[in-house]
Amino acid sequence: MPSAASVMSGEWAATEMAHAVEHWRKQFRGDAPMKDDTAITDEDISSHNLVLWGDPASNGALTRIHSAISAAIDPAHCRPHYRPGAWTPHCTLGTRIADERHDDAIAFARSYDGRIEVLFDVVDCVAFPPVRIISEQRLPS
């Protein structure tokens, strides 16, 4: 498997995958079905729920899915930094920060060293600015 876009994302993916496998074993009393990303077929993608660990730089299946989604989106609706080969993993913590608070926001972001744990309950397709939800899909709880 190629290297992740960053050491941190690679370490996170490995840790989270090990955690998920451990909990699968506890919950289902068996081994989680697993495949190397290079062995995932188009049929797997279209007919199975997949959990893909990594980022488009390190996971070939994720790269294929990202490319297919990108190809289906009108480029006018997708910023260049979300396109295949340019995608950067990120989490937007603030938008429209007043110019006079810019330095404070950057200082806070650089000093923050805590973990953030999240539970995703919805996936939105958005357009911005301003942020508008184009489509929304609730995730199973």
Protein backbone atom coordinates (compact mmCIF):
# COMPACT_ATOMS: atom_id res chain seq x y z
CA MET A 1 0.00 0.00 0.00
CA PRO A 2 1.45 3.45 -0.88
CA SER A 3 2.16 5.93 1.87
CA ALA A 4 -0.60 8.11 3.25
CA ALA A 5 -0.70 11.81 2.42
CA SER A 6 0.73 12.46 5.90
CA VAL A 7 2.30 10.38 8.65
CA MET A 8 -0.50 11.42 10.99
CA SER A 9 -3.28 10.27 8.64
CA GLY A 10 -1.48 6.97 8.04
CA GLU A 11 -1.07 6.37 11.77
CA TRP A 12 -4.69 7.35 12.41
CA ALA A 13 -5.97 4.98 9.73
CA ALA A 14 -3.91 2.07 11.07
CA THR A 15 -5.03 2.69 14.66
CA GLU A 16 -8.70 3.10 13.74
CA MET A 17 -8.66 -0.01 11.55
CA ALA A 18 -7.15 -2.09 14.37
CA HIS A 19 -9.78 -0.69 16.76
CA ALA A 20 -12.62 -1.52 14.34
CA VAL A 21 -11.32 -5.07 13.76
CA GLU A 22 -11.06 -5.64 17.52
CA HIS A 23 -14.62 -4.44 18.09
CA TRP A 24 -15.95 -6.46 15.15
CA ARG A 25 -14.45 -9.55 16.78
CA LYS A 26 -16.10 -8.70 20.12
CA GLN A 27 -19.50 -7.90 18.63
CA PHE A 28 -19.77 -10.58 15.96
CA ARG A 29 -17.49 -13.24 17.48
CA GLY A 30 -15.56 -13.68 14.27
CA ASP A 31 -13.08 -12.04 12.00
CA ALA A 32 -14.06 -8.97 10.02
CA PRO A 33 -14.14 -9.68 6.28
CA MET A 34 -11.14 -7.82 4.87
CA LYS A 35 -9.61 -7.22 1.46
CA ASP A 36 -6.56 -5.36 0.36
CA ASP A 37 -7.56 -2.14 -1.42
CA THR A 38 -5.99 -3.38 -4.65
CA ALA A 39 -8.26 -6.48 -4.60
CA ILE A 40 -11.54 -4.54 -4.34
CA THR A 41 -13.58 -4.90 -7.52
CA ASP A 42 -16.17 -2.64 -9.11
CA GLU A 43 -18.75 -5.27 -8.08
CA ASP A 44 -17.60 -4.96 -4.44
CA ILE A 45 -18.02 -1.19 -4.64
CA SER A 46 -21.48 -1.36 -6.21
CA SER A 47 -22.95 -4.15 -4.07
CA HIS A 48 -21.32 -3.99 -0.63
CA ASN A 49 -21.00 -1.54 2.22
CA LEU A 50 -17.29 -0.84 2.45
CA VAL A 51 -15.15 0.64 5.19
CA LEU A 52 -12.05 2.06 3.56
CA TRP A 53 -9.09 3.05 5.69
CA GLY A 54 -6.58 5.60 4.48
CA ASP A 55 -6.78 8.50 2.08
CA PRO A 56 -6.76 8.76 -1.72
CA ALA A 57 -2.94 8.76 -1.67
CA SER A 58 -2.73 5.40 0.12
CA ASN A 59 -5.93 3.52 -0.74
CA GLY A 60 -6.48 2.54 -4.36
CA ALA A 61 -10.18 1.77 -3.87
CA LEU A 62 -10.77 5.14 -2.26
CA THR A 63 -8.90 6.78 -5.13
CA ARG A 64 -11.15 4.99 -7.68
CA ILE A 65 -14.33 5.98 -5.85
CA HIS A 66 -13.12 9.56 -5.39
CA SER A 67 -12.29 9.77 -9.10
CA ALA A 68 -15.68 8.34 -10.13
CA ILE A 69 -17.56 10.79 -7.93
CA SER A 70 -15.43 13.65 -9.20
CA ALA A 71 -16.05 12.65 -12.82
CA ALA A 72 -19.80 12.71 -12.18
CA ILE A 73 -19.77 16.23 -10.74
CA ASP A 74 -19.83 19.28 -12.96
CA PRO A 75 -16.43 20.96 -12.38
CA ALA A 76 -18.28 24.24 -11.84
CA HIS A 77 -19.68 22.71 -8.64
CA CYS A 78 -16.43 21.32 -7.25
CA ARG A 79 -13.47 23.37 -6.16
CA PRO A 80 -10.12 22.31 -7.63
CA HIS A 81 -8.65 21.29 -4.26
CA TYR A 82 -11.29 18.54 -3.96
CA ARG A 83 -10.39 16.97 -7.32
CA PRO A 84 -8.41 13.73 -7.64
CA GLY A 85 -4.71 14.34 -7.21
CA ALA A 86 -5.32 17.57 -5.33
CA TRP A 87 -7.62 16.44 -2.49
CA THR A 88 -6.44 17.39 0.97
CA PRO A 89 -8.00 15.81 4.06
CA HIS A 90 -9.37 18.53 6.26
CA CYS A 91 -12.02 19.57 8.72
CA THR A 92 -13.36 23.09 8.50
CA LEU A 93 -13.44 24.55 11.99
CA GLY A 94 -14.28 28.12 11.13
CA THR A 95 -15.50 30.14 8.21
CA ARG A 96 -15.88 33.86 7.75
CA ILE A 97 -13.42 34.73 10.52
CA ALA A 98 -13.14 38.50 10.76
CA ASP A 99 -9.83 39.86 9.49
CA GLU A 100 -8.96 41.29 12.90
CA ARG A 101 -9.37 37.78 14.45
CA HIS A 102 -7.35 35.93 11.80
CA ASP A 103 -4.13 35.81 13.86
CA ASP A 104 -6.06 34.60 16.95
CA ALA A 105 -7.68 31.80 14.94
CA ILE A 106 -4.36 30.67 13.47
CA ALA A 107 -2.69 30.77 16.91
CA PHE A 108 -5.50 28.66 18.38
CA ALA A 109 -5.33 26.10 15.57
CA ARG A 110 -1.56 25.77 15.92
CA SER A 111 -1.72 25.37 19.71
CA TYR A 112 -4.57 22.84 19.84
CA ASP A 113 -3.19 19.40 20.63
CA GLY A 114 -6.28 17.56 21.87
CA ARG A 115 -8.09 14.80 20.12
CA ILE A 116 -11.44 15.47 18.55
CA GLU A 117 -13.82 12.54 18.45
CA VAL A 118 -16.86 12.71 16.22
CA LEU A 119 -19.81 10.54 15.32
CA PHE A 120 -21.06 11.22 11.82
CA ASP A 121 -24.83 11.09 11.50
CA VAL A 122 -25.32 12.69 8.10
CA VAL A 123 -23.47 13.26 4.84
CA ASP A 124 -24.19 16.49 3.01
CA CYS A 125 -23.35 17.56 -0.49
CA VAL A 126 -22.81 21.30 -0.17
CA ALA A 127 -22.07 24.33 -2.30
CA PHE A 128 -20.35 27.40 -0.91
CA PRO A 129 -19.96 30.25 -0.20
CA PRO A 130 -22.35 30.66 1.42
CA VAL A 131 -22.81 27.04 2.48
CA ARG A 132 -25.96 25.55 0.93
CA ILE A 133 -26.99 21.93 1.38
CA ILE A 134 -27.74 20.49 -2.06
CA SER A 135 -28.41 16.93 -0.92
CA GLU A 136 -28.42 15.15 2.44
CA GLN A 137 -28.17 11.48 3.39
CA ARG A 138 -28.76 10.34 6.98
CA LEU A 139 -26.35 7.63 8.12
CA PRO A 140 -27.52 4.57 10.03
CA SER A 141 -27.21 5.03 13.78
